[in-house]
Structures are given as C-alpha cells and as structure tokens.
Amino acid sequence: MRKETGILVESNNIDQLAGAISDLSGDYQKSRVLGEQGHALLMQEFTLGIHTQRLQRIYDQKTANSLLQFRPSRTFSIKLKNIRLNIQAKYLKRLWCDSE
C-alpha cells in the first residue's frame, strides 16, 4: 500500500496550486505527515545505490541484447587487429622518441 506523499494538482492550474499550498500551510500535522512519508519514500526508492542498481540492470540487459545480435565478420576482425597494431606501434614510437 502506497502512503500519501504529496498533493497532486493539474499542471498550469494556479488556483489548485494555491489551494494546496494554503491547505498545507493551515494544517501543520498534514504537512508534517506528508513530509515524513515523502522522505521515507525517497530513502526507499531513490537513493544513489538504488539508482545505480537500476541503471546497471538496464545496461546489462542492453549489452546482453547487443552481444547476442553482434556477429563480427572476418573483415571486422582484421580491422580490429590492425587498429591494435597501429596503437601499439604509436605507443612504442612515443616510448622510443621520449627516451632519446
């Protein structure tokens, strides 16, 4: 069961918003309860740890789907090897030039 954590008003309805603010300003107990329940929901659902877990789950699902669909061709594999060799050659050249 979800607890009440706020007052929902229609967007751009200034009269409704003013009424909700007036209602809360006149009822300390109600505003206190909504605040406490809102804070409890925040700590349950929206902490950095929970957000990170949810993002990791989405990332894992997306990468798993991508890996299932990915079929490298022979040309692609050769290009990857050439890129790796080029990077290694540039690194060795930099080491050689820096040491002189």
C-alpha atoms as a PDB file:
ATOM      1  CA  MET A   1       0.000   0.000   0.000  1.00  0.00           C
ATOM      2  CA  ARG A   2       1.395   3.382  -1.042  1.00  0.00           C
ATOM      3  CA  LYS A   3       1.263   6.137   1.522  1.00  0.00           C
ATOM      4  CA  GLU A   4       0.280   9.650   0.574  1.00  0.00           C
ATOM      5  CA  THR A   5       3.420  11.710  -0.040  1.00  0.00           C
ATOM      6  CA  GLY A   6       2.057  14.908  -1.542  1.00  0.00           C
ATOM      7  CA  ILE A   7      -0.789  16.723  -3.193  1.00  0.00           C
ATOM      8  CA  LEU A   8      -1.300  16.349  -6.926  1.00  0.00           C
ATOM      9  CA  VAL A   9      -2.528  19.366  -8.853  1.00  0.00           C
ATOM     10  CA  GLU A  10      -3.180  19.841 -12.560  1.00  0.00           C
ATOM     11  CA  SER A  11      -0.357  21.468 -14.486  1.00  0.00           C
ATOM     12  CA  ASN A  12      -0.754  25.215 -15.022  1.00  0.00           C
ATOM     13  CA  ASN A  13      -3.703  25.338 -12.603  1.00  0.00           C
ATOM     14  CA  ILE A  14      -2.688  28.220 -10.366  1.00  0.00           C
ATOM     15  CA  ASP A  15      -5.887  28.150  -8.316  1.00  0.00           C
ATOM     16  CA  GLN A  16      -5.433  24.464  -7.464  1.00  0.00           C
ATOM     17  CA  LEU A  17      -1.788  25.013  -6.550  1.00  0.00           C
ATOM     18  CA  ALA A  18      -2.666  27.990  -4.361  1.00  0.00           C
ATOM     19  CA  GLY A  19      -5.373  25.932  -2.668  1.00  0.00           C
ATOM     20  CA  ALA A  20      -2.956  23.066  -1.964  1.00  0.00           C
ATOM     21  CA  ILE A  21      -0.352  25.435  -0.525  1.00  0.00           C
ATOM     22  CA  SER A  22      -2.995  27.153   1.593  1.00  0.00           C
ATOM     23  CA  ASP A  23      -4.286  23.777   2.804  1.00  0.00           C
ATOM     24  CA  LEU A  24      -0.805  22.674   3.872  1.00  0.00           C
ATOM     25  CA  SER A  25       0.081  25.992   5.478  1.00  0.00           C
ATOM     26  CA  GLY A  26      -3.045  25.761   7.623  1.00  0.00           C
ATOM     27  CA  ASP A  27      -2.622  22.116   8.628  1.00  0.00           C
ATOM     28  CA  TYR A  28       0.743  21.512  10.291  1.00  0.00           C
ATOM     29  CA  GLN A  29       0.016  17.847  11.071  1.00  0.00           C
ATOM     30  CA  LYS A  30      -0.904  17.031   7.479  1.00  0.00           C
ATOM     31  CA  SER A  31       2.173  18.796   6.086  1.00  0.00           C
ATOM     32  CA  ARG A  32       4.373  17.024   8.635  1.00  0.00           C
ATOM     33  CA  VAL A  33       2.945  13.570   7.783  1.00  0.00           C
ATOM     34  CA  LEU A  34       3.271  14.174   4.027  1.00  0.00           C
ATOM     35  CA  GLY A  35       6.857  15.332   4.522  1.00  0.00           C
ATOM     36  CA  GLU A  36       7.812  12.315   6.623  1.00  0.00           C
ATOM     37  CA  GLN A  37       6.146   9.862   4.231  1.00  0.00           C
ATOM     38  CA  GLY A  38       7.750  11.588   1.263  1.00  0.00           C
ATOM     39  CA  HIS A  39      11.160  11.343   2.896  1.00  0.00           C
ATOM     40  CA  ALA A  40      10.620   7.643   3.661  1.00  0.00           C
ATOM     41  CA  LEU A  41       9.688   7.021   0.007  1.00  0.00           C
ATOM     42  CA  LEU A  42      12.775   8.926  -1.116  1.00  0.00           C
ATOM     43  CA  MET A  43      15.039   6.818   1.102  1.00  0.00           C
ATOM     44  CA  GLN A  44      13.356   3.593  -0.104  1.00  0.00           C
ATOM     45  CA  GLU A  45      13.172   4.221  -3.833  1.00  0.00           C
ATOM     46  CA  PHE A  46      15.540   6.982  -4.875  1.00  0.00           C
ATOM     47  CA  THR A  47      18.893   6.586  -3.147  1.00  0.00           C
ATOM     48  CA  LEU A  48      22.085   6.704  -5.184  1.00  0.00           C
ATOM     49  CA  GLY A  49      22.653   2.996  -4.552  1.00  0.00           C
ATOM     50  CA  ILE A  50      19.204   2.008  -5.823  1.00  0.00           C
ATOM     51  CA  HIS A  51      19.548   4.315  -8.837  1.00  0.00           C
ATOM     52  CA  THR A  52      22.929   2.761  -9.638  1.00  0.00           C
ATOM     53  CA  GLN A  53      21.494  -0.771  -9.366  1.00  0.00           C
ATOM     54  CA  ARG A  54      18.637   0.101 -11.722  1.00  0.00           C
ATOM     55  CA  LEU A  55      20.985   1.689 -14.257  1.00  0.00           C
ATOM     56  CA  GLN A  56      23.286  -1.356 -14.050  1.00  0.00           C
ATOM     57  CA  ARG A  57      20.335  -3.679 -14.690  1.00  0.00           C
ATOM     58  CA  ILE A  58      19.312  -1.642 -17.768  1.00  0.00           C
ATOM     59  CA  TYR A  59      22.914  -1.563 -19.005  1.00  0.00           C
ATOM     60  CA  ASP A  60      23.299  -5.326 -18.519  1.00  0.00           C
ATOM     61  CA  GLN A  61      20.073  -6.017 -20.425  1.00  0.00           C
ATOM     62  CA  LYS A  62      21.008  -3.716 -23.304  1.00  0.00           C
ATOM     63  CA  THR A  63      24.554  -5.034 -23.643  1.00  0.00           C
ATOM     64  CA  ALA A  64      23.365  -8.651 -23.434  1.00  0.00           C
ATOM     65  CA  ASN A  65      20.904  -7.980 -26.267  1.00  0.00           C
ATOM     66  CA  SER A  66      23.571  -6.192 -28.308  1.00  0.00           C
ATOM     67  CA  LEU A  67      26.080  -9.001 -27.844  1.00  0.00           C
ATOM     68  CA  LEU A  68      23.535 -11.572 -28.981  1.00  0.00           C
ATOM     69  CA  GLN A  69      22.953  -9.600 -32.168  1.00  0.00           C
ATOM     70  CA  PHE A  70      26.642  -8.839 -32.825  1.00  0.00           C
ATOM     71  CA  ARG A  71      28.357 -11.152 -35.313  1.00  0.00           C
ATOM     72  CA  PRO A  72      31.784  -9.805 -36.290  1.00  0.00           C
ATOM     73  CA  SER A  73      32.850 -10.507 -39.841  1.00  0.00           C
ATOM     74  CA  ARG A  74      36.344 -11.579 -40.828  1.00  0.00           C
ATOM     75  CA  THR A  75      36.970  -8.091 -42.242  1.00  0.00           C
ATOM     76  CA  PHE A  76      35.944  -6.546 -38.938  1.00  0.00           C
ATOM     77  CA  SER A  77      38.296  -8.843 -37.017  1.00  0.00           C
ATOM     78  CA  ILE A  78      41.195  -7.931 -39.311  1.00  0.00           C
ATOM     79  CA  LYS A  79      40.433  -4.218 -38.880  1.00  0.00           C
ATOM     80  CA  LEU A  80      40.442  -4.625 -35.103  1.00  0.00           C
ATOM     81  CA  LYS A  81      43.835  -6.351 -35.240  1.00  0.00           C
ATOM     82  CA  ASN A  82      45.204  -3.553 -37.446  1.00  0.00           C
ATOM     83  CA  ILE A  83      43.890  -0.897 -35.083  1.00  0.00           C
ATOM     84  CA  ARG A  84      45.507  -2.688 -32.144  1.00  0.00           C
ATOM     85  CA  LEU A  85      48.796  -2.979 -34.033  1.00  0.00           C
ATOM     86  CA  ASN A  86      48.681   0.703 -35.015  1.00  0.00           C
ATOM     87  CA  ILE A  87      48.064   1.724 -31.411  1.00  0.00           C
ATOM     88  CA  GLN A  88      50.923  -0.478 -30.231  1.00  0.00           C
ATOM     89  CA  ALA A  89      53.256   0.986 -32.908  1.00  0.00           C
ATOM     90  CA  LYS A  90      52.367   4.565 -31.924  1.00  0.00           C
ATOM     91  CA  TYR A  91      52.938   3.737 -28.264  1.00  0.00           C
ATOM     92  CA  LEU A  92      56.320   2.135 -28.966  1.00  0.00           C
ATOM     93  CA  LYS A  93      57.317   5.070 -31.195  1.00  0.00           C
ATOM     94  CA  ARG A  94      56.393   7.502 -28.422  1.00  0.00           C
ATOM     95  CA  LEU A  95      58.432   5.483 -25.918  1.00  0.00           C
ATOM     96  CA  TRP A  96      61.390   5.397 -28.317  1.00  0.00           C
ATOM     97  CA  CYS A  97      61.254   9.152 -29.051  1.00  0.00           C
ATOM     98  CA  ASP A  98      60.812  10.106 -25.391  1.00  0.00           C
ATOM     99  CA  SER A  99      63.788   8.027 -24.312  1.00  0.00           C
ATOM    100  CA  GLU A 100      66.242   9.795 -26.680  1.00  0.00           C
END
